[in-house]
Amino acid sequence: FAGDTGYNKFFKRIGKDYAPVKTALIPIGAYIPRWFMGPVHVDPAQALQIHKDIGAGLSIGMHYGTFPLADDGEMDPINDFNAIVGNENFILMKEGEFRVVRNN
C-alpha cells in the first residue's frame, strides 16, 4: 500500500529487498499540476513504474475517481493509465466493484 507518495528511488530498493510483492495498492490520481503535486502524488506512468520496480504480481490502482483532489479530471487518471498499461498485471476497478484475488 503506497498511500500518498511521489516517485523516488526507494521503490527500486523495496523491489530489491522484498520482491516479489504479491499484491500492491498503488495510487494513480491527483497528479496535476505536476509542479505542485509531483512530490506527493505519482502520475499513472510513475504508478506503472512502481509496479515494475517492486516486482508486483498484481497491482490495483487507487486514489482516483472518488472526488476532486487536484486539477486532473475524474477520467484523466483512468484514460492516462489505460493509454500506457499494456499487458501489465495492473488493474483499475470501478466504484463499488469487487473482485476475488487469488495471487499465490
C-alpha atoms as a PDB file:
ATOM      1  CA  PHE A   1       0.000   0.000   0.000  1.00  0.00           C
ATOM      2  CA  ALA A   2       1.732   3.148  -1.202  1.00  0.00           C
ATOM      3  CA  GLY A   3      -0.590   5.899   0.113  1.00  0.00           C
ATOM      4  CA  ASP A   4       0.246   9.460  -0.923  1.00  0.00           C
ATOM      5  CA  THR A   5       3.704   9.392  -2.448  1.00  0.00           C
ATOM      6  CA  GLY A   6       5.844  10.891  -5.137  1.00  0.00           C
ATOM      7  CA  TYR A   7       8.082   8.601  -7.164  1.00  0.00           C
ATOM      8  CA  ASN A   8      11.556   8.030  -5.764  1.00  0.00           C
ATOM      9  CA  LYS A   9      14.455   5.572  -5.783  1.00  0.00           C
ATOM     10  CA  PHE A  10      13.177   3.749  -2.717  1.00  0.00           C
ATOM     11  CA  PHE A  11      10.684   1.770  -4.785  1.00  0.00           C
ATOM     12  CA  LYS A  12      13.578   0.071  -6.576  1.00  0.00           C
ATOM     13  CA  ARG A  13      15.095  -0.662  -3.174  1.00  0.00           C
ATOM     14  CA  ILE A  14      11.805  -2.193  -1.987  1.00  0.00           C
ATOM     15  CA  GLY A  15      11.828  -4.390  -5.086  1.00  0.00           C
ATOM     16  CA  LYS A  16      15.414  -5.412  -4.480  1.00  0.00           C
ATOM     17  CA  ASP A  17      14.835  -6.223  -0.810  1.00  0.00           C
ATOM     18  CA  TYR A  18      11.300  -7.653  -0.847  1.00  0.00           C
ATOM     19  CA  ALA A  19      10.286  -8.766  -4.357  1.00  0.00           C
ATOM     20  CA  PRO A  20       8.173 -10.392  -5.384  1.00  0.00           C
ATOM     21  CA  VAL A  21       5.321  -8.402  -3.871  1.00  0.00           C
ATOM     22  CA  LYS A  22       2.170 -10.465  -4.377  1.00  0.00           C
ATOM     23  CA  THR A  23      -0.395  -7.641  -4.434  1.00  0.00           C
ATOM     24  CA  ALA A  24       0.143  -3.873  -4.339  1.00  0.00           C
ATOM     25  CA  LEU A  25      -2.250  -0.942  -3.977  1.00  0.00           C
ATOM     26  CA  ILE A  26      -0.748   1.957  -5.916  1.00  0.00           C
ATOM     27  CA  PRO A  27      -2.199   5.472  -6.329  1.00  0.00           C
ATOM     28  CA  ILE A  28      -2.745   6.791  -9.858  1.00  0.00           C
ATOM     29  CA  GLY A  29      -4.641  10.076  -9.348  1.00  0.00           C
ATOM     30  CA  ALA A  30      -4.407  13.684  -8.125  1.00  0.00           C
ATOM     31  CA  TYR A  31      -1.236  14.485 -10.076  1.00  0.00           C
ATOM     32  CA  ILE A  32      -1.958  17.762 -11.909  1.00  0.00           C
ATOM     33  CA  PRO A  33      -0.355  20.304 -11.718  1.00  0.00           C
ATOM     34  CA  ARG A  34       2.890  18.344 -11.612  1.00  0.00           C
ATOM     35  CA  TRP A  35       4.912  21.232 -10.158  1.00  0.00           C
ATOM     36  CA  PHE A  36       2.718  21.115  -7.055  1.00  0.00           C
ATOM     37  CA  MET A  37       1.528  17.505  -6.864  1.00  0.00           C
ATOM     38  CA  GLY A  38       4.666  15.740  -8.142  1.00  0.00           C
ATOM     39  CA  PRO A  39       6.416  15.453  -4.773  1.00  0.00           C
ATOM     40  CA  VAL A  40       3.363  13.890  -3.090  1.00  0.00           C
ATOM     41  CA  HIS A  41       1.341  12.119  -5.814  1.00  0.00           C
ATOM     42  CA  VAL A  42       2.566   9.858  -8.615  1.00  0.00           C
ATOM     43  CA  ASP A  43       1.062  10.077 -12.091  1.00  0.00           C
ATOM     44  CA  PRO A  44      -0.109   6.960 -13.971  1.00  0.00           C
ATOM     45  CA  ALA A  45       3.267   6.434 -15.673  1.00  0.00           C
ATOM     46  CA  GLN A  46       5.072   6.599 -12.339  1.00  0.00           C
ATOM     47  CA  ALA A  47       2.494   4.249 -10.801  1.00  0.00           C
ATOM     48  CA  LEU A  48       3.251   1.732 -13.538  1.00  0.00           C
ATOM     49  CA  GLN A  49       6.974   2.157 -12.855  1.00  0.00           C
ATOM     50  CA  ILE A  50       6.392   1.467  -9.150  1.00  0.00           C
ATOM     51  CA  HIS A  51       4.549  -1.727 -10.128  1.00  0.00           C
ATOM     52  CA  LYS A  52       7.615  -2.809 -12.101  1.00  0.00           C
ATOM     53  CA  ASP A  53      10.163  -1.598  -9.539  1.00  0.00           C
ATOM     54  CA  ILE A  54       8.662  -3.597  -6.680  1.00  0.00           C
ATOM     55  CA  GLY A  55       8.103  -6.707  -8.784  1.00  0.00           C
ATOM     56  CA  ALA A  56       4.369  -6.792  -8.068  1.00  0.00           C
ATOM     57  CA  GLY A  57       2.455  -9.863  -9.171  1.00  0.00           C
ATOM     58  CA  LEU A  58      -0.746  -7.798  -9.226  1.00  0.00           C
ATOM     59  CA  SER A  59      -1.257  -4.088  -8.687  1.00  0.00           C
ATOM     60  CA  ILE A  60      -4.580  -2.390  -8.080  1.00  0.00           C
ATOM     61  CA  GLY A  61      -4.890   1.323  -8.792  1.00  0.00           C
ATOM     62  CA  MET A  62      -6.348   3.585  -6.120  1.00  0.00           C
ATOM     63  CA  HIS A  63      -6.659   7.274  -5.218  1.00  0.00           C
ATOM     64  CA  TYR A  64      -8.747   8.297  -8.239  1.00  0.00           C
ATOM     65  CA  GLY A  65     -12.334   8.885  -9.325  1.00  0.00           C
ATOM     66  CA  THR A  66     -13.966   9.376  -5.915  1.00  0.00           C
ATOM     67  CA  PHE A  67     -13.926  13.163  -5.556  1.00  0.00           C
ATOM     68  CA  PRO A  68     -11.841  16.042  -6.968  1.00  0.00           C
ATOM     69  CA  LEU A  69      -8.417  16.217  -5.337  1.00  0.00           C
ATOM     70  CA  ALA A  70      -6.395  18.083  -7.957  1.00  0.00           C
ATOM     71  CA  ASP A  71      -6.661  19.566 -11.453  1.00  0.00           C
ATOM     72  CA  ASP A  72      -6.782  16.221 -13.249  1.00  0.00           C
ATOM     73  CA  GLY A  73     -10.392  15.437 -14.090  1.00  0.00           C
ATOM     74  CA  GLU A  74     -12.335  12.410 -12.933  1.00  0.00           C
ATOM     75  CA  MET A  75     -11.455  10.412 -16.044  1.00  0.00           C
ATOM     76  CA  ASP A  76      -7.908  11.699 -16.673  1.00  0.00           C
ATOM     77  CA  PRO A  77      -6.162   9.176 -14.398  1.00  0.00           C
ATOM     78  CA  ILE A  78      -8.132   6.309 -15.946  1.00  0.00           C
ATOM     79  CA  ASN A  79      -7.551   7.446 -19.528  1.00  0.00           C
ATOM     80  CA  ASP A  80      -3.870   8.238 -18.970  1.00  0.00           C
ATOM     81  CA  PHE A  81      -3.341   4.888 -17.242  1.00  0.00           C
ATOM     82  CA  ASN A  82      -5.167   2.865 -19.912  1.00  0.00           C
ATOM     83  CA  ALA A  83      -3.063   4.526 -22.628  1.00  0.00           C
ATOM     84  CA  ILE A  84       0.164   3.092 -21.174  1.00  0.00           C
ATOM     85  CA  VAL A  85      -0.628  -0.050 -19.160  1.00  0.00           C
ATOM     86  CA  GLY A  86      -0.206  -2.551 -21.983  1.00  0.00           C
ATOM     87  CA  ASN A  87      -0.420  -6.127 -20.726  1.00  0.00           C
ATOM     88  CA  GLU A  88       0.945  -5.482 -17.220  1.00  0.00           C
ATOM     89  CA  ASN A  89      -0.972  -7.169 -14.403  1.00  0.00           C
ATOM     90  CA  PHE A  90      -2.187  -3.818 -13.051  1.00  0.00           C
ATOM     91  CA  ILE A  91      -5.928  -3.239 -12.830  1.00  0.00           C
ATOM     92  CA  LEU A  92      -8.335  -0.398 -12.152  1.00  0.00           C
ATOM     93  CA  MET A  93     -11.725  -1.017 -10.620  1.00  0.00           C
ATOM     94  CA  LYS A  94     -14.958   0.942 -10.854  1.00  0.00           C
ATOM     95  CA  GLU A  95     -16.509   2.464  -7.763  1.00  0.00           C
ATOM     96  CA  GLY A  96     -18.363  -0.300  -5.905  1.00  0.00           C
ATOM     97  CA  GLU A  97     -16.719  -3.087  -7.917  1.00  0.00           C
ATOM     98  CA  PHE A  98     -15.226  -6.027  -6.095  1.00  0.00           C
ATOM     99  CA  ARG A  99     -13.036  -8.899  -7.170  1.00  0.00           C
ATOM    100  CA  VAL A 100     -11.773 -12.024  -5.546  1.00  0.00           C
ATOM    101  CA  VAL A 101      -7.997 -12.002  -5.882  1.00  0.00           C
ATOM    102  CA  ARG A 102      -6.082 -15.223  -5.602  1.00  0.00           C
ATOM    103  CA  ASN A 103      -2.484 -14.337  -6.082  1.00  0.00           C
ATOM    104  CA  ASN A 104      -0.316 -17.237  -4.974  1.00  0.00           C
END
